[in-house]
Amino acid sequence: MSVHVSRIYREGNAVADCLASQVSDANQLLIGCMSNCVDDLLIFHRFDLRGRPDRDPVIRSVIWSPPASGWTKVNTDGVALSSPGVGGCGGIFCNCRAFVTGCFAVPLDHVFAFEVELLTDSIAINFAWQNGWHRIWLENDSSYVVQLLSSPSEQVADTLSKHALQLEVD
């Protein structure tokens, strides 16, 4: 490795020129966007590149509403600190009068972010079933999990049932 480092040091200008050329060529493709941060802006200026900052986020007003009569609504969320990493999940159950009827919080070890979201919904479904709430309205912030749970695949049900059997929710 030291031979490689010393070669780069001796040929530093050639390497920097090659790198600048490659970055400039990639910039012509206009693929992707830079993050809206000073570090990215400085890197772009260093290579004399024009940046494409992300668009401003769209802010939407969201109003929580209780479920219809006879239904139980559960709002869930999960998090993993790294991927994989230590995480946790939780959920809150409410009835049609917006009264909290139950909740859960579960610490998790060595999980991926997507796995946490799926596991959170699995725990919520299991918790609801154990409490006799068979008509539930499940809300979470993972569009991929919502899409997966909305699909008619039997594999999803098998995966959820295996996770539900492995966890005991108090």
N, C-alpha and C. Protein backbone atom coordinates (compact mmCIF):
# COMPACT_ATOMS: atom_id res chain seq x y z
N MET A 1 0.82 -1.19 0.00
CA MET A 1 0.00 0.00 0.00
C MET A 1 0.86 1.25 0.00
N SER A 2 2.02 1.23 0.68
CA SER A 2 2.86 2.41 0.74
C SER A 2 3.41 2.77 -0.64
N VAL A 3 3.65 1.76 -1.50
CA VAL A 3 4.11 2.03 -2.86
C VAL A 3 3.03 2.79 -3.62
N HIS A 4 1.78 2.37 -3.45
CA HIS A 4 0.66 3.00 -4.13
C HIS A 4 0.49 4.46 -3.67
N VAL A 5 0.62 4.69 -2.37
CA VAL A 5 0.47 6.03 -1.82
C VAL A 5 1.58 6.94 -2.32
N SER A 6 2.82 6.45 -2.32
CA SER A 6 3.94 7.29 -2.78
C SER A 6 3.82 7.60 -4.26
N ARG A 7 3.30 6.68 -5.06
CA ARG A 7 3.10 6.92 -6.49
C ARG A 7 2.07 8.02 -6.70
N ILE A 8 0.99 7.98 -5.92
CA ILE A 8 -0.02 9.02 -6.02
C ILE A 8 0.58 10.36 -5.60
N TYR A 9 1.44 10.35 -4.57
CA TYR A 9 2.06 11.58 -4.11
C TYR A 9 2.95 12.18 -5.19
N ARG A 10 3.78 11.32 -5.83
CA ARG A 10 4.67 11.80 -6.89
C ARG A 10 3.90 12.27 -8.11
N GLU A 11 2.81 11.57 -8.39
CA GLU A 11 2.04 11.90 -9.57
C GLU A 11 0.76 12.63 -9.19
N GLY A 12 0.84 13.36 -8.08
CA GLY A 12 -0.34 14.02 -7.52
C GLY A 12 -1.09 14.87 -8.51
N ASN A 13 -0.37 15.68 -9.28
CA ASN A 13 -1.05 16.55 -10.22
C ASN A 13 -1.77 15.75 -11.29
N ALA A 14 -1.14 14.68 -11.78
CA ALA A 14 -1.76 13.86 -12.82
C ALA A 14 -3.03 13.18 -12.27
N VAL A 15 -2.96 12.70 -11.04
CA VAL A 15 -4.11 12.04 -10.41
C VAL A 15 -5.23 13.06 -10.20
N ALA A 16 -4.88 14.24 -9.70
CA ALA A 16 -5.89 15.26 -9.46
C ALA A 16 -6.53 15.69 -10.77
N ASP A 17 -5.72 15.85 -11.82
CA ASP A 17 -6.26 16.22 -13.12
C ASP A 17 -7.20 15.15 -13.66
N CYS A 18 -6.80 13.89 -13.51
CA CYS A 18 -7.63 12.76 -13.97
C CYS A 18 -8.95 12.74 -13.21
N LEU A 19 -8.86 12.92 -11.89
CA LEU A 19 -10.07 12.91 -11.06
C LEU A 19 -10.98 14.07 -11.44
N ALA A 20 -10.41 15.25 -11.62
CA ALA A 20 -11.21 16.41 -12.01
C ALA A 20 -11.88 16.18 -13.36
N SER A 21 -11.16 15.55 -14.29
CA SER A 21 -11.72 15.26 -15.60
C SER A 21 -12.90 14.29 -15.48
N GLN A 22 -12.73 13.25 -14.66
CA GLN A 22 -13.80 12.26 -14.48
C GLN A 22 -15.03 12.89 -13.83
N VAL A 23 -14.80 13.73 -12.81
CA VAL A 23 -15.91 14.39 -12.12
C VAL A 23 -16.63 15.34 -13.08
N SER A 24 -15.86 16.06 -13.90
CA SER A 24 -16.46 16.98 -14.87
C SER A 24 -17.31 16.22 -15.89
N ASP A 25 -16.78 15.07 -16.36
CA ASP A 25 -17.56 14.25 -17.29
C ASP A 25 -18.85 13.76 -16.66
N ALA A 26 -18.77 13.33 -15.40
CA ALA A 26 -19.96 12.85 -14.70
C ALA A 26 -20.96 13.98 -14.51
N ASN A 27 -20.47 15.19 -14.28
CA ASN A 27 -21.36 16.34 -14.09
C ASN A 27 -22.16 16.63 -15.36
N GLN A 28 -21.59 16.32 -16.51
CA GLN A 28 -22.30 16.56 -17.77
C GLN A 28 -23.53 15.67 -17.88
N LEU A 29 -23.50 14.53 -17.20
CA LEU A 29 -24.65 13.61 -17.24
C LEU A 29 -25.84 14.16 -16.44
N LEU A 30 -25.55 15.05 -15.49
CA LEU A 30 -26.59 15.65 -14.65
C LEU A 30 -27.45 14.60 -13.94
N ILE A 31 -26.80 13.59 -13.39
CA ILE A 31 -27.51 12.55 -12.67
C ILE A 31 -27.45 12.86 -11.18
N GLY A 32 -28.58 12.82 -10.52
CA GLY A 32 -28.63 13.01 -9.09
C GLY A 32 -28.58 14.47 -8.69
N CYS A 33 -28.68 14.69 -7.40
CA CYS A 33 -28.65 16.04 -6.86
C CYS A 33 -27.70 16.08 -5.69
N MET A 34 -27.17 17.25 -5.43
CA MET A 34 -26.36 17.42 -4.24
C MET A 34 -27.27 17.65 -3.05
N SER A 35 -26.76 17.39 -1.87
CA SER A 35 -27.52 17.72 -0.67
C SER A 35 -27.46 19.22 -0.47
N ASN A 36 -28.40 19.75 0.24
CA ASN A 36 -28.40 21.19 0.51
C ASN A 36 -27.56 21.47 1.75
N CYS A 37 -26.23 21.34 1.57
CA CYS A 37 -25.34 21.62 2.69
C CYS A 37 -24.08 22.31 2.17
N VAL A 38 -23.41 23.01 3.07
CA VAL A 38 -22.24 23.79 2.71
C VAL A 38 -21.10 22.90 2.22
N ASP A 39 -20.92 21.72 2.82
CA ASP A 39 -19.84 20.82 2.41
C ASP A 39 -19.97 20.43 0.94
N ASP A 40 -21.16 20.06 0.52
CA ASP A 40 -21.36 19.70 -0.89
C ASP A 40 -21.10 20.89 -1.81
N LEU A 41 -21.54 22.06 -1.39
CA LEU A 41 -21.33 23.27 -2.19
C LEU A 41 -19.84 23.56 -2.36
N LEU A 42 -19.06 23.40 -1.29
CA LEU A 42 -17.62 23.63 -1.36
C LEU A 42 -16.94 22.64 -2.28
N ILE A 43 -17.37 21.38 -2.24
CA ILE A 43 -16.80 20.36 -3.13
C ILE A 43 -17.12 20.70 -4.57
N PHE A 44 -18.33 21.11 -4.84
CA PHE A 44 -18.70 21.49 -6.20
C PHE A 44 -17.86 22.67 -6.70
N HIS A 45 -17.68 23.68 -5.83
CA HIS A 45 -16.88 24.83 -6.22
C HIS A 45 -15.42 24.45 -6.44
N ARG A 46 -14.91 23.53 -5.64
CA ARG A 46 -13.51 23.09 -5.77
C ARG A 46 -13.24 22.50 -7.15
N PHE A 47 -14.22 21.79 -7.70
CA PHE A 47 -14.07 21.17 -9.01
C PHE A 47 -14.68 22.02 -10.14
N ASP A 48 -15.05 23.26 -9.82
CA ASP A 48 -15.66 24.16 -10.80
C ASP A 48 -16.88 23.53 -11.48
N LEU A 49 -17.75 22.95 -10.66
CA LEU A 49 -18.95 22.29 -11.18
C LEU A 49 -20.18 23.09 -10.80
N ARG A 50 -21.20 22.97 -11.61
CA ARG A 50 -22.47 23.57 -11.23
C ARG A 50 -23.27 22.53 -10.45
N GLY A 51 -23.85 22.95 -9.39
CA GLY A 51 -24.60 22.02 -8.56
C GLY A 51 -26.07 21.98 -8.91
N ARG A 52 -26.70 20.91 -8.53
CA ARG A 52 -28.15 20.78 -8.67
C ARG A 52 -28.72 20.51 -7.29
N PRO A 53 -29.00 21.57 -6.54
CA PRO A 53 -29.54 21.36 -5.19
C PRO A 53 -30.89 20.65 -5.25
N ASP A 54 -31.20 19.94 -4.19
CA ASP A 54 -32.52 19.32 -4.07
C ASP A 54 -33.58 20.41 -4.09
N ARG A 55 -34.74 20.04 -4.53
CA ARG A 55 -35.87 20.97 -4.47
C ARG A 55 -36.30 21.13 -3.02
N ASP A 56 -36.95 22.24 -2.76
CA ASP A 56 -37.47 22.47 -1.42
C ASP A 56 -38.48 21.38 -1.08
N PRO A 57 -38.49 20.95 0.17
CA PRO A 57 -39.47 19.92 0.55
C PRO A 57 -40.88 20.45 0.48
N VAL A 58 -41.81 19.57 0.18
CA VAL A 58 -43.21 19.95 0.14
C VAL A 58 -43.78 19.74 1.55
N ILE A 59 -44.38 20.77 2.06
CA ILE A 59 -44.96 20.70 3.41
C ILE A 59 -46.46 20.52 3.26
N ARG A 60 -46.96 19.46 3.88
CA ARG A 60 -48.38 19.15 3.82
C ARG A 60 -48.97 19.14 5.21
N SER A 61 -50.14 19.66 5.33
CA SER A 61 -50.84 19.63 6.60
C SER A 61 -51.48 18.25 6.76
N VAL A 62 -51.22 17.63 7.89
CA VAL A 62 -51.78 16.31 8.16
C VAL A 62 -52.60 16.40 9.44
N ILE A 63 -53.84 15.98 9.36
CA ILE A 63 -54.73 16.02 10.51
C ILE A 63 -55.13 14.60 10.86
N TRP A 64 -54.90 14.22 12.10
CA TRP A 64 -55.26 12.88 12.55
C TRP A 64 -56.77 12.82 12.73
N SER A 65 -57.34 11.71 12.30
CA SER A 65 -58.78 11.54 12.49
C SER A 65 -59.03 10.16 13.09
N PRO A 66 -60.01 10.06 13.97
CA PRO A 66 -60.31 8.76 14.58
C PRO A 66 -60.94 7.82 13.56
N PRO A 67 -60.90 6.52 13.86
CA PRO A 67 -61.49 5.55 12.93
C PRO A 67 -63.02 5.57 13.02
N ALA A 68 -63.64 4.91 12.07
CA ALA A 68 -65.10 4.78 12.08
C ALA A 68 -65.53 3.92 13.27
N SER A 69 -66.78 4.01 13.62
CA SER A 69 -67.32 3.23 14.73
C SER A 69 -67.10 1.73 14.49
N GLY A 70 -66.65 1.04 15.53
CA GLY A 70 -66.40 -0.40 15.43
C GLY A 70 -64.98 -0.74 14.99
N TRP A 71 -64.18 0.26 14.68
CA TRP A 71 -62.81 0.04 14.24
C TRP A 71 -61.84 0.55 15.31
N THR A 72 -60.64 0.01 15.29
CA THR A 72 -59.55 0.48 16.15
C THR A 72 -58.43 0.96 15.24
N LYS A 73 -57.93 2.14 15.54
CA LYS A 73 -56.85 2.70 14.73
C LYS A 73 -55.54 2.56 15.49
N VAL A 74 -54.50 2.14 14.77
CA VAL A 74 -53.18 2.04 15.39
C VAL A 74 -52.18 2.82 14.54
N ASN A 75 -51.45 3.71 15.21
CA ASN A 75 -50.37 4.46 14.57
C ASN A 75 -49.06 3.86 15.07
N THR A 76 -48.20 3.46 14.13
CA THR A 76 -46.95 2.79 14.49
C THR A 76 -45.75 3.54 13.93
N ASP A 77 -44.62 3.29 14.56
CA ASP A 77 -43.35 3.81 14.03
C ASP A 77 -42.23 2.95 14.59
N GLY A 78 -41.16 2.86 13.81
CA GLY A 78 -39.99 2.12 14.22
C GLY A 78 -38.74 2.84 13.76
N VAL A 79 -37.61 2.53 14.40
CA VAL A 79 -36.35 3.18 14.05
C VAL A 79 -35.19 2.23 14.29
N ALA A 80 -34.18 2.33 13.43
CA ALA A 80 -32.91 1.62 13.62
C ALA A 80 -31.82 2.68 13.55
N LEU A 81 -30.91 2.69 14.53
CA LEU A 81 -29.89 3.73 14.59
C LEU A 81 -28.83 3.59 13.51
N SER A 82 -28.59 2.41 13.03
CA SER A 82 -27.71 2.18 11.88
C SER A 82 -28.31 1.01 11.13
N SER A 83 -27.63 0.56 10.09
CA SER A 83 -28.25 -0.49 9.29
C SER A 83 -27.27 -1.63 9.06
N PRO A 84 -27.34 -2.72 9.79
CA PRO A 84 -28.25 -2.99 10.91
C PRO A 84 -27.74 -2.34 12.19
N GLY A 85 -28.64 -2.19 13.12
CA GLY A 85 -28.26 -1.60 14.39
C GLY A 85 -29.36 -1.74 15.41
N VAL A 86 -29.10 -1.16 16.57
CA VAL A 86 -30.06 -1.19 17.66
C VAL A 86 -31.26 -0.33 17.25
N GLY A 87 -32.43 -0.79 17.57
CA GLY A 87 -33.63 -0.06 17.18
C GLY A 87 -34.74 -0.25 18.18
N GLY A 88 -35.89 0.21 17.81
CA GLY A 88 -37.05 0.06 18.65
C GLY A 88 -38.30 0.40 17.86
N CYS A 89 -39.43 0.03 18.41
CA CYS A 89 -40.69 0.31 17.72
C CYS A 89 -41.80 0.48 18.74
N GLY A 90 -42.88 1.08 18.28
CA GLY A 90 -44.00 1.28 19.16
C GLY A 90 -45.27 1.58 18.39
N GLY A 91 -46.36 1.55 19.11
CA GLY A 91 -47.64 1.83 18.49
C GLY A 91 -48.65 2.28 19.53
N ILE A 92 -49.64 3.04 19.07
CA ILE A 92 -50.72 3.53 19.93
C ILE A 92 -52.05 3.18 19.29
N PHE A 93 -52.95 2.60 20.05
CA PHE A 93 -54.27 2.18 19.57
C PHE A 93 -55.33 3.15 20.10
N CYS A 94 -56.24 3.57 19.22
CA CYS A 94 -57.32 4.48 19.61
C CYS A 94 -58.65 3.96 19.06
N ASN A 95 -59.72 4.27 19.79
CA ASN A 95 -61.05 3.88 19.32
C ASN A 95 -61.71 5.02 18.56
N CYS A 96 -62.97 4.85 18.20
CA CYS A 96 -63.67 5.84 17.39
C CYS A 96 -63.92 7.16 18.11
N ARG A 97 -63.79 7.16 19.43
CA ARG A 97 -63.94 8.40 20.20
C ARG A 97 -62.59 9.04 20.52
N ALA A 98 -61.52 8.53 19.86
CA ALA A 98 -60.15 9.03 20.02
C ALA A 98 -59.55 8.76 21.39
N PHE A 99 -60.12 7.77 22.12
CA PHE A 99 -59.54 7.36 23.40
C PHE A 99 -58.45 6.34 23.14
N VAL A 100 -57.34 6.45 23.86
CA VAL A 100 -56.27 5.47 23.75
C VAL A 100 -56.72 4.19 24.43
N THR A 101 -56.70 3.09 23.68
CA THR A 101 -57.14 1.80 24.22
C THR A 101 -55.97 0.85 24.47
N GLY A 102 -54.80 1.20 24.01
CA GLY A 102 -53.63 0.37 24.24
C GLY A 102 -52.40 0.95 23.56
N CYS A 103 -51.24 0.45 23.96
CA CYS A 103 -49.99 0.88 23.33
C CYS A 103 -48.91 -0.15 23.59
N PHE A 104 -47.84 -0.08 22.83
CA PHE A 104 -46.70 -0.96 23.04
C PHE A 104 -45.42 -0.26 22.63
N ALA A 105 -44.32 -0.67 23.24
CA ALA A 105 -42.98 -0.20 22.88
C ALA A 105 -42.04 -1.39 23.05
N VAL A 106 -41.25 -1.68 22.02
CA VAL A 106 -40.38 -2.86 22.04
C VAL A 106 -38.97 -2.46 21.61
N PRO A 107 -37.95 -2.73 22.46
CA PRO A 107 -36.57 -2.51 22.01
C PRO A 107 -36.14 -3.65 21.10
N LEU A 108 -35.33 -3.35 20.09
CA LEU A 108 -34.89 -4.37 19.13
C LEU A 108 -33.38 -4.28 18.93
N ASP A 109 -32.74 -5.41 18.72
CA ASP A 109 -31.29 -5.47 18.47
C ASP A 109 -31.02 -5.91 17.05
N HIS A 110 -30.00 -5.34 16.44
CA HIS A 110 -29.49 -5.76 15.13
C HIS A 110 -30.58 -5.89 14.08
N VAL A 111 -31.20 -4.78 13.75
CA VAL A 111 -32.26 -4.77 12.75
C VAL A 111 -31.98 -3.73 11.67
N PHE A 112 -32.52 -3.96 10.49
CA PHE A 112 -32.47 -3.00 9.40
C PHE A 112 -33.71 -2.11 9.49
N ALA A 113 -33.64 -0.90 8.91
CA ALA A 113 -34.75 0.05 9.00
C ALA A 113 -36.05 -0.54 8.46
N PHE A 114 -35.99 -1.15 7.27
CA PHE A 114 -37.20 -1.73 6.69
C PHE A 114 -37.75 -2.85 7.58
N GLU A 115 -36.84 -3.66 8.12
CA GLU A 115 -37.23 -4.77 8.98
C GLU A 115 -37.97 -4.25 10.22
N VAL A 116 -37.50 -3.14 10.78
CA VAL A 116 -38.15 -2.55 11.96
C VAL A 116 -39.57 -2.13 11.62
N GLU A 117 -39.75 -1.47 10.47
CA GLU A 117 -41.09 -1.02 10.09
C GLU A 117 -42.05 -2.20 9.90
N LEU A 118 -41.57 -3.23 9.24
CA LEU A 118 -42.41 -4.42 9.02
C LEU A 118 -42.70 -5.13 10.34
N LEU A 119 -41.69 -5.24 11.17
CA LEU A 119 -41.84 -5.89 12.46
C LEU A 119 -42.81 -5.11 13.36
N THR A 120 -42.74 -3.79 13.30
CA THR A 120 -43.65 -2.94 14.09
C THR A 120 -45.10 -3.23 13.74
N ASP A 121 -45.38 -3.32 12.45
CA ASP A 121 -46.76 -3.61 12.03
C ASP A 121 -47.17 -5.02 12.40
N SER A 122 -46.24 -5.94 12.35
CA SER A 122 -46.52 -7.32 12.76
C SER A 122 -46.89 -7.36 14.23
N ILE A 123 -46.14 -6.65 15.05
CA ILE A 123 -46.43 -6.60 16.50
C ILE A 123 -47.79 -5.95 16.73
N ALA A 124 -48.07 -4.87 16.00
CA ALA A 124 -49.36 -4.17 16.15
C ALA A 124 -50.52 -5.08 15.81
N ILE A 125 -50.40 -5.82 14.73
CA ILE A 125 -51.47 -6.74 14.32
C ILE A 125 -51.66 -7.82 15.37
N ASN A 126 -50.57 -8.37 15.87
CA ASN A 126 -50.63 -9.40 16.91
C ASN A 126 -51.25 -8.85 18.19
N PHE A 127 -50.85 -7.66 18.60
CA PHE A 127 -51.37 -7.01 19.80
C PHE A 127 -52.88 -6.78 19.67
N ALA A 128 -53.29 -6.29 18.49
CA ALA A 128 -54.72 -6.04 18.25
C ALA A 128 -55.51 -7.34 18.32
N TRP A 129 -54.99 -8.38 17.71
CA TRP A 129 -55.69 -9.66 17.69
C TRP A 129 -55.84 -10.22 19.11
N GLN A 130 -54.77 -10.10 19.92
CA GLN A 130 -54.81 -10.59 21.31
C GLN A 130 -55.84 -9.84 22.14
N ASN A 131 -56.12 -8.58 21.79
CA ASN A 131 -57.08 -7.77 22.53
C ASN A 131 -58.48 -7.81 21.93
N GLY A 132 -58.69 -8.64 20.93
CA GLY A 132 -60.01 -8.80 20.33
C GLY A 132 -60.38 -7.70 19.35
N TRP A 133 -59.40 -6.90 18.92
CA TRP A 133 -59.66 -5.85 17.94
C TRP A 133 -59.38 -6.42 16.56
N HIS A 134 -60.40 -6.91 15.90
CA HIS A 134 -60.22 -7.59 14.62
C HIS A 134 -60.42 -6.67 13.42
N ARG A 135 -60.95 -5.49 13.67
CA ARG A 135 -61.10 -4.49 12.59
C ARG A 135 -60.18 -3.33 12.92
N ILE A 136 -58.96 -3.38 12.36
CA ILE A 136 -57.99 -2.33 12.67
C ILE A 136 -57.64 -1.52 11.42
N TRP A 137 -57.35 -0.27 11.68
CA TRP A 137 -56.90 0.66 10.66
C TRP A 137 -55.44 0.97 11.03
N LEU A 138 -54.52 0.50 10.22
CA LEU A 138 -53.09 0.59 10.52
C LEU A 138 -52.48 1.76 9.77
N GLU A 139 -51.80 2.66 10.49
CA GLU A 139 -51.11 3.78 9.87
C GLU A 139 -49.65 3.74 10.26
N ASN A 140 -48.77 3.92 9.25
CA ASN A 140 -47.35 4.06 9.52
C ASN A 140 -46.73 4.96 8.46
N ASP A 141 -45.42 5.23 8.59
CA ASP A 141 -44.77 6.16 7.68
C ASP A 141 -43.92 5.48 6.61
N SER A 142 -44.05 4.18 6.45
CA SER A 142 -43.28 3.44 5.45
C SER A 142 -44.18 3.07 4.27
N SER A 143 -44.04 3.80 3.17
CA SER A 143 -44.88 3.53 2.00
C SER A 143 -44.60 2.14 1.44
N TYR A 144 -43.35 1.66 1.56
CA TYR A 144 -43.03 0.33 1.06
C TYR A 144 -43.75 -0.76 1.86
N VAL A 145 -43.80 -0.60 3.17
CA VAL A 145 -44.50 -1.59 4.01
C VAL A 145 -46.00 -1.55 3.72
N VAL A 146 -46.55 -0.36 3.53
CA VAL A 146 -47.98 -0.25 3.19
C VAL A 146 -48.26 -0.96 1.88
N GLN A 147 -47.39 -0.74 0.90
CA GLN A 147 -47.56 -1.40 -0.40
C GLN A 147 -47.44 -2.92 -0.25
N LEU A 148 -46.49 -3.36 0.55
CA LEU A 148 -46.28 -4.79 0.75
C LEU A 148 -47.48 -5.43 1.44
N LEU A 149 -48.00 -4.76 2.47
CA LEU A 149 -49.15 -5.31 3.20
C LEU A 149 -50.43 -5.25 2.38
N SER A 150 -50.48 -4.36 1.42
CA SER A 150 -51.66 -4.25 0.56
C SER A 150 -51.67 -5.28 -0.57
N SER A 151 -50.53 -5.93 -0.80
CA SER A 151 -50.45 -6.91 -1.89
C SER A 151 -51.14 -8.21 -1.46
N PRO A 152 -51.68 -8.95 -2.43
CA PRO A 152 -52.41 -10.18 -2.09
C PRO A 152 -51.50 -11.40 -1.87
N SER A 153 -50.21 -11.18 -1.63
CA SER A 153 -49.26 -12.28 -1.50
C SER A 153 -49.43 -13.03 -0.18
N GLU A 154 -49.39 -14.36 -0.26
CA GLU A 154 -49.45 -15.17 0.96
C GLU A 154 -48.12 -15.16 1.69
N GLN A 155 -47.05 -14.84 0.96
CA GLN A 155 -45.72 -14.80 1.56
C GLN A 155 -45.65 -13.73 2.65
N VAL A 156 -46.32 -12.59 2.44
CA VAL A 156 -46.34 -11.52 3.44
C VAL A 156 -46.99 -12.02 4.72
N ALA A 157 -48.12 -12.68 4.60
CA ALA A 157 -48.83 -13.19 5.77
C ALA A 157 -47.97 -14.21 6.51
N ASP A 158 -47.28 -15.08 5.78
CA ASP A 158 -46.41 -16.07 6.42
C ASP A 158 -45.27 -15.39 7.18
N THR A 159 -44.66 -14.37 6.57
CA THR A 159 -43.56 -13.65 7.21
C THR A 159 -44.05 -12.95 8.47
N LEU A 160 -45.20 -12.27 8.39
CA LEU A 160 -45.74 -11.58 9.55
C LEU A 160 -46.09 -12.56 10.67
N SER A 161 -46.67 -13.69 10.33
CA SER A 161 -47.05 -14.65 11.38
C SER A 161 -45.84 -15.25 12.06
N LYS A 162 -44.75 -15.47 11.33
CA LYS A 162 -43.52 -16.00 11.94
C LYS A 162 -42.95 -15.00 12.94
N HIS A 163 -42.93 -13.69 12.55
CA HIS A 163 -42.43 -12.66 13.47
C HIS A 163 -43.34 -12.54 14.68
N ALA A 164 -44.65 -12.60 14.47
CA ALA A 164 -45.60 -12.45 15.57
C ALA A 164 -45.45 -13.59 16.56
N LEU A 165 -45.16 -14.80 16.10
CA LEU A 165 -44.99 -15.93 17.00
C LEU A 165 -43.69 -15.82 17.79
N GLN A 166 -42.68 -15.14 17.23
CA GLN A 166 -41.38 -15.01 17.91
C GLN A 166 -41.42 -13.96 19.00
N LEU A 167 -42.34 -13.02 18.93
CA LEU A 167 -42.39 -11.93 19.90
C LEU A 167 -43.61 -12.05 20.79
N GLU A 168 -43.41 -11.80 22.04
CA GLU A 168 -44.53 -11.79 22.97
C GLU A 168 -44.70 -10.37 23.45
N VAL A 169 -45.83 -9.77 23.16
CA VAL A 169 -46.08 -8.38 23.52
C VAL A 169 -46.89 -8.34 24.79
N ASP A 170 -46.41 -7.56 25.75
CA ASP A 170 -47.15 -7.41 27.03
C ASP A 170 -48.05 -6.20 26.98
